[in-house]
C-alpha atoms as a PDB file:
ATOM      1  CA  UNK A   1     148.005  52.099  94.670  1.00  0.00           C
ATOM      2  CA  UNK A   2     148.310  55.769  93.591  1.00  0.00           C
ATOM      3  CA  UNK A   3     144.954  57.091  95.162  1.00  0.00           C
ATOM      4  CA  UNK A   4     143.128  56.559  98.266  1.00  0.00           C
ATOM      5  CA  UNK A   5     139.512  57.452  99.019  1.00  0.00           C
ATOM      6  CA  UNK A   6     138.317  59.226 102.142  1.00  0.00           C
ATOM      7  CA  UNK A   7     135.124  58.242 103.916  1.00  0.00           C
ATOM      8  CA  UNK A   8     133.680  61.493 102.294  1.00  0.00           C
ATOM      9  CA  UNK A   9     134.244  59.898  98.877  1.00  0.00           C
ATOM     10  CA  UNK A  10     137.030  62.244  97.799  1.00  0.00           C
ATOM     11  CA  UNK A  11     140.096  60.748  96.114  1.00  0.00           C
ATOM     12  CA  UNK A  12     143.524  61.846  97.371  1.00  0.00           C
ATOM     13  CA  UNK A  13     146.888  61.355  95.795  1.00  0.00           C
ATOM     14  CA  UNK A  14     149.271  60.595  98.678  1.00  0.00           C
ATOM     15  CA  UNK A  15     152.304  61.465  96.452  1.00  0.00           C
ATOM     16  CA  UNK A  16     150.796  64.990  95.941  1.00  0.00           C
ATOM     17  CA  UNK A  17     150.348  65.491  99.706  1.00  0.00           C
ATOM     18  CA  UNK A  18     153.766  64.040 100.511  1.00  0.00           C
ATOM     19  CA  UNK A  19     155.479  66.221  97.879  1.00  0.00           C
ATOM     20  CA  UNK A  20     153.783  69.294  99.297  1.00  0.00           C
ATOM     21  CA  UNK A  21     155.036  68.453 102.700  1.00  0.00           C
ATOM     22  CA  UNK A  22     158.598  67.826 101.768  1.00  0.00           C
ATOM     23  CA  UNK A  23     158.673  70.850  99.482  1.00  0.00           C
ATOM     24  CA  UNK A  24     157.342  73.294 102.095  1.00  0.00           C
ATOM     25  CA  UNK A  25     158.877  72.030 105.274  1.00  0.00           C
ATOM     26  CA  UNK A  26     162.626  72.225 104.639  1.00  0.00           C
ATOM     27  CA  UNK A  27     163.779  69.825 107.386  1.00  0.00           C
ATOM     28  CA  UNK A  28     161.259  67.119 106.655  1.00  0.00           C
ATOM     29  CA  UNK A  29     163.020  64.562 104.406  1.00  0.00           C
ATOM     30  CA  UNK A  30     160.285  61.856 104.103  1.00  0.00           C
ATOM     31  CA  UNK A  31     156.523  62.019 104.468  1.00  0.00           C
ATOM     32  CA  UNK A  32     153.788  59.373 104.250  1.00  0.00           C
ATOM     33  CA  UNK A  33     150.122  60.357 103.703  1.00  0.00           C
ATOM     34  CA  UNK A  34     147.510  58.074 105.308  1.00  0.00           C
ATOM     35  CA  UNK A  35     143.787  58.215 105.392  1.00  0.00           C
ATOM     36  CA  UNK A  36     142.211  55.560 103.197  1.00  0.00           C
ATOM     37  CA  UNK A  37     138.586  55.203 104.206  1.00  0.00           C
ATOM     38  CA  UNK A  38     138.962  57.921 106.891  1.00  0.00           C
ATOM     39  CA  UNK A  39     137.349  61.397 107.274  1.00  0.00           C
ATOM     40  CA  UNK A  40     140.657  63.256 106.679  1.00  0.00           C
ATOM     41  CA  UNK A  41     144.223  62.929 105.707  1.00  0.00           C
ATOM     42  CA  UNK A  42     147.052  62.514 108.273  1.00  0.00           C
ATOM     43  CA  UNK A  43     150.866  62.074 107.721  1.00  0.00           C
ATOM     44  CA  UNK A  44     153.916  60.427 109.213  1.00  0.00           C
ATOM     45  CA  UNK A  45     156.984  62.645 108.808  1.00  0.00           C
ATOM     46  CA  UNK A  46     160.716  62.044 109.065  1.00  0.00           C
ATOM     47  CA  UNK A  47     163.114  64.791 109.843  1.00  0.00           C
ATOM     48  CA  UNK A  48     166.307  65.342 107.953  1.00  0.00           C
ATOM     49  CA  UNK A  49     168.920  64.099 110.346  1.00  0.00           C
ATOM     50  CA  UNK A  50     171.681  66.541 109.330  1.00  0.00           C
ATOM     51  CA  UNK A  51     169.435  69.598 109.443  1.00  0.00           C
ATOM     52  CA  UNK A  52     167.826  68.482 112.778  1.00  0.00           C
ATOM     53  CA  UNK A  53     171.345  68.103 114.363  1.00  0.00           C
ATOM     54  CA  UNK A  54     172.237  71.584 113.157  1.00  0.00           C
ATOM     55  CA  UNK A  55     169.166  72.909 114.569  1.00  0.00           C
ATOM     56  CA  UNK A  56     169.958  71.253 117.869  1.00  0.00           C
ATOM     57  CA  UNK A  57     173.570  72.518 117.992  1.00  0.00           C
ATOM     58  CA  UNK A  58     172.364  76.221 117.537  1.00  0.00           C
ATOM     59  CA  UNK A  59     170.180  75.727 120.483  1.00  0.00           C
ATOM     60  CA  UNK A  60     172.624  73.958 122.733  1.00  0.00           C
ATOM     61  CA  UNK A  61     171.113  70.538 122.358  1.00  0.00           C
ATOM     62  CA  UNK A  62     173.827  68.985 120.276  1.00  0.00           C
ATOM     63  CA  UNK A  63     174.261  66.181 122.681  1.00  0.00           C
ATOM     64  CA  UNK A  64     170.797  64.706 122.040  1.00  0.00           C
ATOM     65  CA  UNK A  65     170.329  61.901 119.693  1.00  0.00           C
ATOM     66  CA  UNK A  66     168.155  62.058 116.550  1.00  0.00           C
ATOM     67  CA  UNK A  67     165.527  59.920 118.232  1.00  0.00           C
ATOM     68  CA  UNK A  68     165.455  62.340 121.210  1.00  0.00           C
ATOM     69  CA  UNK A  69     165.440  65.457 119.030  1.00  0.00           C
ATOM     70  CA  UNK A  70     162.711  64.208 116.761  1.00  0.00           C
ATOM     71  CA  UNK A  71     160.379  63.794 119.743  1.00  0.00           C
ATOM     72  CA  UNK A  72     160.934  67.281 121.266  1.00  0.00           C
ATOM     73  CA  UNK A  73     157.791  69.456 121.517  1.00  0.00           C
ATOM     74  CA  UNK A  74     159.541  72.274 119.796  1.00  0.00           C
ATOM     75  CA  UNK A  75     160.014  70.177 116.671  1.00  0.00           C
ATOM     76  CA  UNK A  76     156.449  69.043 116.644  1.00  0.00           C
ATOM     77  CA  UNK A  77     155.288  72.783 117.053  1.00  0.00           C
ATOM     78  CA  UNK A  78     157.461  73.848 114.299  1.00  0.00           C
ATOM     79  CA  UNK A  79     156.285  71.206 111.916  1.00  0.00           C
ATOM     80  CA  UNK A  80     152.674  72.051 112.991  1.00  0.00           C
ATOM     81  CA  UNK A  81     153.206  75.709 112.101  1.00  0.00           C
ATOM     82  CA  UNK A  82     154.660  74.950 108.715  1.00  0.00           C
ATOM     83  CA  UNK A  83     151.962  72.325 107.892  1.00  0.00           C
ATOM     84  CA  UNK A  84     149.591  75.295 107.554  1.00  0.00           C
ATOM     85  CA  UNK A  85     151.696  76.511 104.610  1.00  0.00           C
ATOM     86  CA  UNK A  86     151.472  72.958 103.195  1.00  0.00           C
ATOM     87  CA  UNK A  87     147.740  72.877 103.571  1.00  0.00           C
ATOM     88  CA  UNK A  88     147.331  76.291 101.848  1.00  0.00           C
ATOM     89  CA  UNK A  89     148.635  74.527  98.766  1.00  0.00           C
ATOM     90  CA  UNK A  90     146.393  71.524  98.924  1.00  0.00           C
ATOM     91  CA  UNK A  91     142.672  71.027  98.002  1.00  0.00           C
ATOM     92  CA  UNK A  92     140.434  71.079 101.097  1.00  0.00           C
ATOM     93  CA  UNK A  93     139.973  67.354 101.272  1.00  0.00           C
ATOM     94  CA  UNK A  94     143.774  66.657 100.849  1.00  0.00           C
ATOM     95  CA  UNK A  95     144.805  68.860 103.846  1.00  0.00           C
ATOM     96  CA  UNK A  96     146.675  67.227 106.657  1.00  0.00           C
ATOM     97  CA  UNK A  97     144.834  67.358 109.847  1.00  0.00           C
ATOM     98  CA  UNK A  98     147.047  65.269 112.130  1.00  0.00           C
ATOM     99  CA  UNK A  99     150.601  64.031 111.914  1.00  0.00           C
ATOM    100  CA  UNK A 100     153.310  62.378 113.902  1.00  0.00           C
ATOM    101  CA  UNK A 101     157.101  62.908 113.736  1.00  0.00           C
ATOM    102  CA  UNK A 102     158.849  59.518 113.450  1.00  0.00           C
ATOM    103  CA  UNK A 103     161.893  58.817 115.525  1.00  0.00           C
ATOM    104  CA  UNK A 104     163.995  57.387 112.825  1.00  0.00           C
ATOM    105  CA  UNK A 105     164.601  57.542 109.139  1.00  0.00           C
ATOM    106  CA  UNK A 106     162.849  55.027 106.720  1.00  0.00           C
ATOM    107  CA  UNK A 107     165.477  52.708 105.214  1.00  0.00           C
ATOM    108  CA  UNK A 108     165.754  49.618 103.163  1.00  0.00           C
ATOM    109  CA  UNK A 109     166.899  47.756 106.281  1.00  0.00           C
ATOM    110  CA  UNK A 110     163.771  48.758 108.176  1.00  0.00           C
ATOM    111  CA  UNK A 111     161.600  47.844 105.277  1.00  0.00           C
ATOM    112  CA  UNK A 112     160.334  51.453 104.940  1.00  0.00           C
ATOM    113  CA  UNK A 113     161.809  52.075 101.427  1.00  0.00           C
ATOM    114  CA  UNK A 114     162.743  50.108  98.330  1.00  0.00           C
ATOM    115  CA  UNK A 115     166.406  49.984  97.063  1.00  0.00           C
ATOM    116  CA  UNK A 116     165.554  53.027  94.946  1.00  0.00           C
ATOM    117  CA  UNK A 117     164.504  54.833  98.219  1.00  0.00           C
ATOM    118  CA  UNK A 118     160.808  54.862  97.239  1.00  0.00           C
ATOM    119  CA  UNK A 119     158.685  54.793 100.330  1.00  0.00           C
ATOM    120  CA  UNK A 120     156.803  51.500 100.888  1.00  0.00           C
ATOM    121  CA  UNK A 121     153.610  53.194 102.030  1.00  0.00           C
ATOM    122  CA  UNK A 122     151.734  49.987 103.099  1.00  0.00           C
ATOM    123  CA  UNK A 123     154.788  48.668 105.099  1.00  0.00           C
ATOM    124  CA  UNK A 124     155.331  52.013 106.872  1.00  0.00           C
ATOM    125  CA  UNK A 125     151.579  52.382 107.635  1.00  0.00           C
ATOM    126  CA  UNK A 126     151.644  48.850 109.149  1.00  0.00           C
ATOM    127  CA  UNK A 127     154.868  49.530 111.154  1.00  0.00           C
ATOM    128  CA  UNK A 128     153.393  52.755 112.565  1.00  0.00           C
ATOM    129  CA  UNK A 129     149.841  51.544 112.915  1.00  0.00           C
ATOM    130  CA  UNK A 130     149.786  52.868 116.515  1.00  0.00           C
ATOM    131  CA  UNK A 131     150.259  56.401 115.189  1.00  0.00           C
ATOM    132  CA  UNK A 132     147.694  55.926 112.433  1.00  0.00           C
ATOM    133  CA  UNK A 133     145.199  54.510 115.032  1.00  0.00           C
ATOM    134  CA  UNK A 134     145.717  57.539 117.230  1.00  0.00           C
ATOM    135  CA  UNK A 135     144.828  59.864 114.241  1.00  0.00           C
ATOM    136  CA  UNK A 136     141.510  58.055 113.846  1.00  0.00           C
ATOM    137  CA  UNK A 137     140.088  57.053 117.250  1.00  0.00           C
ATOM    138  CA  UNK A 138     137.217  54.481 116.769  1.00  0.00           C
ATOM    139  CA  UNK A 139     133.912  55.673 118.028  1.00  0.00           C
ATOM    140  CA  UNK A 140     131.940  53.100 120.092  1.00  0.00           C
END
């Protein structure tokens, strides 16, 4: 489906949010917006492996794997800073409040994309449900 509705009744185009993320954060290659029925929008982001490795080599971390690099606090902090630029280009109800950096690319083999490299949003959201749940803690 092309839109989801927040708990506040606002309709969000996940493609618009995802395009804003990938256009404004140069080393993010894939993004998945989530938040159907929730108070705010969150995202799962995937780093561009080649750019991430170049970044690491410049900082003397060339021996680390993609999985290790993607989970470094410096990477999260950098994405967090640049997410402010993304949010400045979105409507208030579309802004990304929380995100997680995934530790591998989405591929056809993992079920994350179609053969045309379109992201299979429902599959990815389900595969990373633990991240999605952490964005929206349930109140007792």
